[in-house]
C-alpha atoms as a PDB file:
ATOM      1  CA  UNK A   1       0.135  -0.589  -0.364  1.00  0.00           C
ATOM      2  CA  UNK A   2       1.326   2.781  -0.757  1.00  0.00           C
ATOM      3  CA  UNK A   3       1.783   5.873   1.904  1.00  0.00           C
ATOM      4  CA  UNK A   4      -0.509   9.023   1.089  1.00  0.00           C
ATOM      5  CA  UNK A   5       1.921  11.138   2.666  1.00  0.00           C
ATOM      6  CA  UNK A   6       5.634  11.634   2.699  1.00  0.00           C
ATOM      7  CA  UNK A   7       7.397  14.353   4.739  1.00  0.00           C
ATOM      8  CA  UNK A   8      11.566  13.519   3.288  1.00  0.00           C
ATOM      9  CA  UNK A   9      13.189  15.324   6.244  1.00  0.00           C
ATOM     10  CA  UNK A  10      17.257  16.446   3.931  1.00  0.00           C
ATOM     11  CA  UNK A  11      20.633  15.523   7.162  1.00  0.00           C
ATOM     12  CA  UNK A  12      24.063  15.784   7.132  1.00  0.00           C
ATOM     13  CA  UNK A  13      25.563  13.802   9.843  1.00  0.00           C
ATOM     14  CA  UNK A  14      27.966  16.484  10.708  1.00  0.00           C
ATOM     15  CA  UNK A  15      25.213  19.216  11.391  1.00  0.00           C
ATOM     16  CA  UNK A  16      24.544  20.408  15.385  1.00  0.00           C
ATOM     17  CA  UNK A  17      21.356  21.579  13.949  1.00  0.00           C
ATOM     18  CA  UNK A  18      20.407  17.639  12.607  1.00  0.00           C
ATOM     19  CA  UNK A  19      22.244  15.651  15.567  1.00  0.00           C
ATOM     20  CA  UNK A  20      19.354  18.202  17.748  1.00  0.00           C
ATOM     21  CA  UNK A  21      16.184  17.497  15.439  1.00  0.00           C
ATOM     22  CA  UNK A  22      16.701  14.092  14.786  1.00  0.00           C
ATOM     23  CA  UNK A  23      15.335  12.854  17.937  1.00  0.00           C
ATOM     24  CA  UNK A  24      12.013  14.363  17.465  1.00  0.00           C
ATOM     25  CA  UNK A  25      11.726  13.799  13.792  1.00  0.00           C
ATOM     26  CA  UNK A  26      11.855  10.077  14.556  1.00  0.00           C
ATOM     27  CA  UNK A  27       9.624  10.460  17.457  1.00  0.00           C
ATOM     28  CA  UNK A  28       6.968  12.339  14.414  1.00  0.00           C
ATOM     29  CA  UNK A  29       8.040   8.864  12.388  1.00  0.00           C
ATOM     30  CA  UNK A  30       6.792   6.514  15.437  1.00  0.00           C
ATOM     31  CA  UNK A  31       3.325   8.730  16.100  1.00  0.00           C
ATOM     32  CA  UNK A  32       2.385   8.779  12.355  1.00  0.00           C
ATOM     33  CA  UNK A  33       3.914   5.746  11.377  1.00  0.00           C
ATOM     34  CA  UNK A  34       0.372   3.945   9.588  1.00  0.00           C
ATOM     35  CA  UNK A  35      -0.028   7.547   7.951  1.00  0.00           C
ATOM     36  CA  UNK A  36       2.671   8.641   7.032  1.00  0.00           C
ATOM     37  CA  UNK A  37       6.198   7.453   4.891  1.00  0.00           C
ATOM     38  CA  UNK A  38       9.096   9.867   6.211  1.00  0.00           C
ATOM     39  CA  UNK A  39      12.234   9.736   4.497  1.00  0.00           C
ATOM     40  CA  UNK A  40      16.318  10.738   5.253  1.00  0.00           C
ATOM     41  CA  UNK A  41      17.847  12.245   2.427  1.00  0.00           C
ATOM     42  CA  UNK A  42      22.144  12.974   2.821  1.00  0.00           C
ATOM     43  CA  UNK A  43      23.145  15.275   0.714  1.00  0.00           C
ATOM     44  CA  UNK A  44      26.139  15.578   1.157  1.00  0.00           C
ATOM     45  CA  UNK A  45      28.493  14.143  -1.310  1.00  0.00           C
ATOM     46  CA  UNK A  46      31.156  13.236   1.029  1.00  0.00           C
ATOM     47  CA  UNK A  47      29.374  10.985   3.591  1.00  0.00           C
ATOM     48  CA  UNK A  48      29.238   7.197   3.852  1.00  0.00           C
ATOM     49  CA  UNK A  49      26.762   4.984   4.426  1.00  0.00           C
ATOM     50  CA  UNK A  50      29.084   4.109   7.166  1.00  0.00           C
ATOM     51  CA  UNK A  51      29.175   7.224   8.346  1.00  0.00           C
ATOM     52  CA  UNK A  52      24.636   7.722   7.455  1.00  0.00           C
ATOM     53  CA  UNK A  53      24.289   4.687   9.878  1.00  0.00           C
ATOM     54  CA  UNK A  54      26.375   5.430  12.903  1.00  0.00           C
ATOM     55  CA  UNK A  55      24.376   8.744  13.117  1.00  0.00           C
ATOM     56  CA  UNK A  56      21.012   7.121  12.665  1.00  0.00           C
ATOM     57  CA  UNK A  57      22.828   4.584  15.328  1.00  0.00           C
ATOM     58  CA  UNK A  58      23.986   7.334  17.093  1.00  0.00           C
ATOM     59  CA  UNK A  59      20.608   9.350  17.223  1.00  0.00           C
ATOM     60  CA  UNK A  60      18.780   6.536  17.011  1.00  0.00           C
ATOM     61  CA  UNK A  61      16.688   7.543  13.507  1.00  0.00           C
ATOM     62  CA  UNK A  62      15.280   4.127  12.063  1.00  0.00           C
ATOM     63  CA  UNK A  63      13.614   5.930   9.952  1.00  0.00           C
ATOM     64  CA  UNK A  64      14.040   5.396   5.782  1.00  0.00           C
ATOM     65  CA  UNK A  65      17.283   6.534   4.289  1.00  0.00           C
ATOM     66  CA  UNK A  66      19.331   7.353   1.082  1.00  0.00           C
ATOM     67  CA  UNK A  67      22.176   9.375   0.278  1.00  0.00           C
ATOM     68  CA  UNK A  68      22.002  11.681  -2.432  1.00  0.00           C
ATOM     69  CA  UNK A  69      25.561  13.071  -3.444  1.00  0.00           C
ATOM     70  CA  UNK A  70      24.419  14.155  -6.680  1.00  0.00           C
ATOM     71  CA  UNK A  71      21.670  16.429  -5.976  1.00  0.00           C
ATOM     72  CA  UNK A  72      19.326  14.598  -7.418  1.00  0.00           C
ATOM     73  CA  UNK A  73      16.350  15.174  -4.803  1.00  0.00           C
ATOM     74  CA  UNK A  74      18.204  18.498  -3.054  1.00  0.00           C
ATOM     75  CA  UNK A  75      17.438  19.651  -7.058  1.00  0.00           C
ATOM     76  CA  UNK A  76      13.647  18.176  -7.351  1.00  0.00           C
ATOM     77  CA  UNK A  77      12.318  19.193  -3.883  1.00  0.00           C
ATOM     78  CA  UNK A  78      14.787  21.763  -4.135  1.00  0.00           C
ATOM     79  CA  UNK A  79      16.139  22.013  -0.468  1.00  0.00           C
ATOM     80  CA  UNK A  80      18.477  24.333   0.380  1.00  0.00           C
ATOM     81  CA  UNK A  81      19.317  24.003   4.131  1.00  0.00           C
ATOM     82  CA  UNK A  82      19.880  20.637   6.312  1.00  0.00           C
ATOM     83  CA  UNK A  83      17.815  19.810   8.516  1.00  0.00           C
ATOM     84  CA  UNK A  84      15.036  20.988   6.531  1.00  0.00           C
ATOM     85  CA  UNK A  85      11.170  18.631   5.865  1.00  0.00           C
ATOM     86  CA  UNK A  86       9.005  18.282   3.516  1.00  0.00           C
ATOM     87  CA  UNK A  87       6.257  17.202   3.683  1.00  0.00           C
ATOM     88  CA  UNK A  88       4.245  15.906   1.121  1.00  0.00           C
ATOM     89  CA  UNK A  89       1.609  14.337  -0.372  1.00  0.00           C
ATOM     90  CA  UNK A  90       0.039  11.813  -2.591  1.00  0.00           C
ATOM     91  CA  UNK A  91       0.059  13.728  -5.802  1.00  0.00           C
ATOM     92  CA  UNK A  92       3.411  14.601  -5.001  1.00  0.00           C
ATOM     93  CA  UNK A  93       2.397  18.539  -3.910  1.00  0.00           C
ATOM     94  CA  UNK A  94       4.236  20.404  -1.279  1.00  0.00           C
ATOM     95  CA  UNK A  95       1.795  21.116   1.547  1.00  0.00           C
ATOM     96  CA  UNK A  96       4.593  22.372   4.081  1.00  0.00           C
ATOM     97  CA  UNK A  97       8.853  22.859   3.991  1.00  0.00           C
ATOM     98  CA  UNK A  98      10.849  24.123   6.172  1.00  0.00           C
ATOM     99  CA  UNK A  99      12.149  23.564   9.643  1.00  0.00           C
ATOM    100  CA  UNK A 100      11.356  20.910  11.887  1.00  0.00           C
ATOM    101  CA  UNK A 101      10.401  23.711  14.503  1.00  0.00           C
ATOM    102  CA  UNK A 102      11.197  26.730  15.599  1.00  0.00           C
ATOM    103  CA  UNK A 103      14.067  25.745  18.551  1.00  0.00           C
ATOM    104  CA  UNK A 104      16.578  27.055  16.526  1.00  0.00           C
ATOM    105  CA  UNK A 105      15.628  30.607  14.394  1.00  0.00           C
ATOM    106  CA  UNK A 106      18.838  32.127  13.345  1.00  0.00           C
ATOM    107  CA  UNK A 107      22.654  30.239  13.246  1.00  0.00           C
ATOM    108  CA  UNK A 108      23.819  30.282  16.850  1.00  0.00           C
ATOM    109  CA  UNK A 109      20.770  31.158  18.148  1.00  0.00           C
ATOM    110  CA  UNK A 110      18.329  28.522  19.731  1.00  0.00           C
ATOM    111  CA  UNK A 111      15.353  28.337  22.522  1.00  0.00           C
ATOM    112  CA  UNK A 112      16.049  25.666  25.145  1.00  0.00           C
ATOM    113  CA  UNK A 113      12.417  24.476  23.847  1.00  0.00           C
ATOM    114  CA  UNK A 114      10.771  24.772  20.656  1.00  0.00           C
ATOM    115  CA  UNK A 115       7.916  26.874  20.609  1.00  0.00           C
ATOM    116  CA  UNK A 116       6.134  26.326  17.769  1.00  0.00           C
ATOM    117  CA  UNK A 117       6.117  22.673  15.912  1.00  0.00           C
ATOM    118  CA  UNK A 118       5.422  23.521  12.188  1.00  0.00           C
ATOM    119  CA  UNK A 119       6.073  19.809  10.604  1.00  0.00           C
ATOM    120  CA  UNK A 120       3.870  18.726  13.654  1.00  0.00           C
ATOM    121  CA  UNK A 121       0.922  20.608  13.083  1.00  0.00           C
ATOM    122  CA  UNK A 122       1.427  21.290   9.967  1.00  0.00           C
ATOM    123  CA  UNK A 123       0.559  16.707  10.213  1.00  0.00           C
ATOM    124  CA  UNK A 124      -2.137  17.300  12.506  1.00  0.00           C
ATOM    125  CA  UNK A 125      -3.837  19.738  10.388  1.00  0.00           C
ATOM    126  CA  UNK A 126      -3.443  17.499   6.579  1.00  0.00           C
ATOM    127  CA  UNK A 127      -4.917  14.668   8.692  1.00  0.00           C
ATOM    128  CA  UNK A 128      -7.922  16.503   9.781  1.00  0.00           C
ATOM    129  CA  UNK A 129      -8.389  17.178   6.267  1.00  0.00           C
ATOM    130  CA  UNK A 130      -7.531  21.194   6.961  1.00  0.00           C
ATOM    131  CA  UNK A 131      -5.289  24.012   5.022  1.00  0.00           C
ATOM    132  CA  UNK A 132      -1.306  23.980   6.546  1.00  0.00           C
ATOM    133  CA  UNK A 133      -1.766  27.487   8.588  1.00  0.00           C
ATOM    134  CA  UNK A 134       1.930  27.974   8.489  1.00  0.00           C
ATOM    135  CA  UNK A 135       3.164  26.947   4.816  1.00  0.00           C
ATOM    136  CA  UNK A 136       6.728  27.131   4.568  1.00  0.00           C
ATOM    137  CA  UNK A 137       9.357  28.437   6.827  1.00  0.00           C
ATOM    138  CA  UNK A 138      12.957  29.104   6.867  1.00  0.00           C
ATOM    139  CA  UNK A 139      14.591  26.520   7.818  1.00  0.00           C
ATOM    140  CA  UNK A 140      17.736  27.043  10.020  1.00  0.00           C
ATOM    141  CA  UNK A 141      20.689  24.927   9.814  1.00  0.00           C
ATOM    142  CA  UNK A 142      23.965  23.993   7.551  1.00  0.00           C
ATOM    143  CA  UNK A 143      23.658  25.109   3.324  1.00  0.00           C
ATOM    144  CA  UNK A 144      24.150  22.260   1.107  1.00  0.00           C
ATOM    145  CA  UNK A 145      26.695  22.600  -0.947  1.00  0.00           C
ATOM    146  CA  UNK A 146      25.686  23.083  -4.104  1.00  0.00           C
ATOM    147  CA  UNK A 147      28.128  23.850  -7.584  1.00  0.00           C
END
């Protein structure tokens, strides 16, 4: 059965914000596992599968993952930053794009805990057949190096 909704998260094993955000994404993947397919995309050209597996083990990330060294998915979804999430409908329409939440609001600036939960709120809205209130935020993190 094809999942009606997908969440793509672009991650970098070296990015501190990815490291601190991974567990919240994993919690959502568990919470919505029957209704939403989560996938982690690692776009860093030099990252190895061993490094990704170590990252996933360290941060207890069990969602499916794939490497994207040629930036095929980066270009397709116009991703610019890690971590950056996209909530995608069954019709391949981007329903939300940006940060997981607002814990990191500028490079070097963060709150102890998030106060706004952009991805979770978008998922809740879509599951209730309501429009997504905030459709896009500017992701804060490490820029994806594109040539």
